[in-house]
Amino acid sequence: MVMPTRYRERLQLDSKSIIILTIDTEERCLLLYPLPEWEEIERKLAVLPSFNPAARRIQRLLIGHAADVEMDNQGRVLLPPLLREYAGLNKRAVLVGQGKKFELWDEAHWEKCRICWLEEESNSTDSALPDEVKSISL
């Protein structure tokens, strides 16, 4: 995968070109974190109670699938086969910015989900939104 030019310099400065890839436990996509962001998440995951089965499962999935990858000078990142397979990544992929992280989707799966989400959103009422979202002015 080639990281878009607009993000390369920032990742090179902030992360020394190191990106952490892991799985998304809700959807078949990958999460890409700049190294400093991942270190913060990893710290939070590490302090979860290990005797709580749900917390332990999340630790195993997110930390266990995490892979450090280095972006080369041309912005290329080599995706590990296990993670590519998990997300169903073939030739065409979509990189979606999500604030402090990115999501990497197979293009066909992204389009299918995007259409579904747009349809759900157009059919939903304001009462379905969490209060935190209702307070945001767009």
Protein backbone atom coordinates (compact mmCIF):
# COMPACT_ATOMS: atom_id res chain seq x y z
CA MET A 1 0.00 0.00 0.00
CA VAL A 2 1.17 3.55 -0.67
CA MET A 3 0.36 6.14 1.97
CA PRO A 4 -1.12 9.29 0.42
CA THR A 5 1.41 12.10 0.10
CA ARG A 6 -0.55 14.45 2.35
CA TYR A 7 0.03 12.14 5.37
CA ARG A 8 3.58 10.96 4.70
CA GLU A 9 5.56 13.87 6.13
CA ARG A 10 3.51 13.95 9.32
CA LEU A 11 3.92 10.20 9.83
CA GLN A 12 7.65 10.44 9.15
CA LEU A 13 8.03 13.20 11.74
CA ASP A 14 5.62 11.99 14.43
CA SER A 15 6.19 8.26 14.11
CA LYS A 16 9.66 7.98 12.56
CA SER A 17 7.83 6.24 9.67
CA ILE A 18 6.52 3.46 11.96
CA ILE A 19 2.84 2.57 11.63
CA ILE A 20 1.05 -0.01 13.73
CA LEU A 21 -1.55 -2.15 11.99
CA THR A 22 -4.17 -4.21 13.80
CA ILE A 23 -7.63 -5.56 13.19
CA ASP A 24 -10.90 -3.80 13.81
CA THR A 25 -13.04 -6.03 16.00
CA GLU A 26 -16.32 -4.59 14.68
CA GLU A 27 -15.71 -4.67 10.92
CA ARG A 28 -13.48 -6.51 8.46
CA CYS A 29 -10.98 -3.70 8.07
CA LEU A 30 -7.58 -2.77 9.45
CA LEU A 31 -6.75 0.03 11.84
CA LEU A 32 -3.55 2.00 11.15
CA TYR A 33 -2.06 4.01 13.99
CA PRO A 34 0.93 6.34 14.11
CA LEU A 35 3.34 4.86 16.66
CA PRO A 36 2.71 7.46 19.45
CA GLU A 37 -1.07 6.96 19.20
CA TRP A 38 -0.73 3.18 19.35
CA GLU A 39 1.57 3.36 22.38
CA GLU A 40 -1.16 5.26 24.25
CA ILE A 41 -3.81 2.70 23.27
CA GLU A 42 -1.53 -0.18 24.17
CA ARG A 43 -0.98 1.33 27.64
CA LYS A 44 -4.74 1.56 28.16
CA LEU A 45 -5.28 -2.00 26.96
CA ALA A 46 -2.49 -3.32 29.18
CA VAL A 47 -4.17 -2.08 32.38
CA LEU A 48 -7.51 -3.74 31.65
CA PRO A 49 -8.34 -6.49 34.16
CA SER A 50 -6.88 -9.76 32.87
CA PHE A 51 -9.52 -11.83 34.70
CA ASN A 52 -12.34 -10.15 32.77
CA PRO A 53 -12.98 -12.41 29.75
CA ALA A 54 -14.21 -9.58 27.48
CA ALA A 55 -11.22 -7.35 28.33
CA ARG A 56 -8.81 -10.24 27.83
CA ARG A 57 -10.37 -11.05 24.46
CA ILE A 58 -9.93 -7.45 23.27
CA GLN A 59 -6.31 -7.46 24.48
CA ARG A 60 -5.63 -10.68 22.61
CA LEU A 61 -7.26 -9.48 19.42
CA LEU A 62 -5.90 -5.93 19.22
CA ILE A 63 -2.44 -6.43 20.71
CA GLY A 64 -2.07 -9.95 19.36
CA HIS A 65 -2.73 -8.85 15.78
CA ALA A 66 -0.68 -5.64 16.04
CA ALA A 67 2.19 -5.42 13.56
CA ASP A 68 4.83 -2.70 13.28
CA VAL A 69 5.43 -1.71 9.70
CA GLU A 70 7.84 0.87 8.38
CA MET A 71 6.90 3.28 5.66
CA ASP A 72 9.70 3.67 3.10
CA ASN A 73 10.75 7.00 1.53
CA GLN A 74 8.14 6.60 -1.23
CA GLY A 75 5.38 6.09 1.37
CA ARG A 76 5.03 2.36 0.71
CA VAL A 77 3.90 0.04 3.49
CA LEU A 78 4.05 -3.74 3.26
CA LEU A 79 0.90 -5.26 4.78
CA PRO A 80 1.41 -8.60 6.55
CA PRO A 81 -0.45 -11.48 4.83
CA LEU A 82 -2.52 -12.38 7.94
CA LEU A 83 -3.87 -8.83 8.20
CA ARG A 84 -4.50 -8.55 4.45
CA GLU A 85 -6.45 -11.79 4.61
CA TYR A 86 -8.49 -10.65 7.64
CA ALA A 87 -9.61 -7.47 5.86
CA GLY A 88 -10.10 -9.21 2.52
CA LEU A 89 -7.68 -6.79 0.86
CA ASN A 90 -6.99 -7.56 -2.76
CA LYS A 91 -6.07 -5.03 -5.43
CA ARG A 92 -8.21 -2.01 -4.58
CA ALA A 93 -8.37 -0.56 -1.09
CA VAL A 94 -9.80 2.54 0.56
CA LEU A 95 -7.94 4.45 3.28
CA VAL A 96 -10.37 6.30 5.55
CA GLY A 97 -9.08 8.97 7.94
CA GLN A 98 -10.55 8.72 11.42
CA GLY A 99 -8.89 11.51 13.35
CA LYS A 100 -5.84 9.98 15.05
CA LYS A 101 -5.96 6.75 13.05
CA PHE A 102 -6.85 5.39 9.63
CA GLU A 103 -9.04 2.50 8.55
CA LEU A 104 -8.01 0.39 5.57
CA TRP A 105 -10.88 -1.34 3.73
CA ASP A 106 -11.28 -3.53 0.72
CA GLU A 107 -12.94 -1.15 -1.74
CA ALA A 108 -15.97 -3.37 -2.50
CA HIS A 109 -16.61 -4.05 1.19
CA TRP A 110 -16.26 -0.33 2.00
CA GLU A 111 -18.81 0.62 -0.68
CA LYS A 112 -21.27 -1.99 0.55
CA CYS A 113 -20.97 -0.82 4.17
CA ARG A 114 -21.01 2.87 3.24
CA ILE A 115 -24.26 2.48 1.30
CA CYS A 116 -25.81 0.57 4.18
CA TRP A 117 -24.73 3.21 6.73
CA LEU A 118 -26.07 6.05 4.58
CA GLU A 119 -29.37 4.24 4.27
CA GLU A 120 -29.53 3.61 8.03
CA GLU A 121 -28.70 7.25 8.71
CA SER A 122 -31.40 8.54 6.38
CA ASN A 123 -33.95 6.28 8.10
CA SER A 124 -32.92 7.06 11.67
CA THR A 125 -34.30 9.64 14.03
CA ASP A 126 -32.32 12.06 16.16
CA SER A 127 -33.30 10.01 19.22
CA ALA A 128 -31.07 7.17 17.97
CA LEU A 129 -27.97 9.35 18.21
CA PRO A 130 -25.91 9.38 21.41
CA ASP A 131 -26.12 12.67 23.33
CA GLU A 132 -22.41 13.31 22.63
CA VAL A 133 -23.11 13.35 18.91
CA LYS A 134 -26.19 15.54 19.25
CA SER A 135 -24.09 18.23 20.94
CA ILE A 136 -21.72 18.57 17.94
CA SER A 137 -22.44 21.40 15.56
CA LEU A 138 -21.43 20.52 11.99
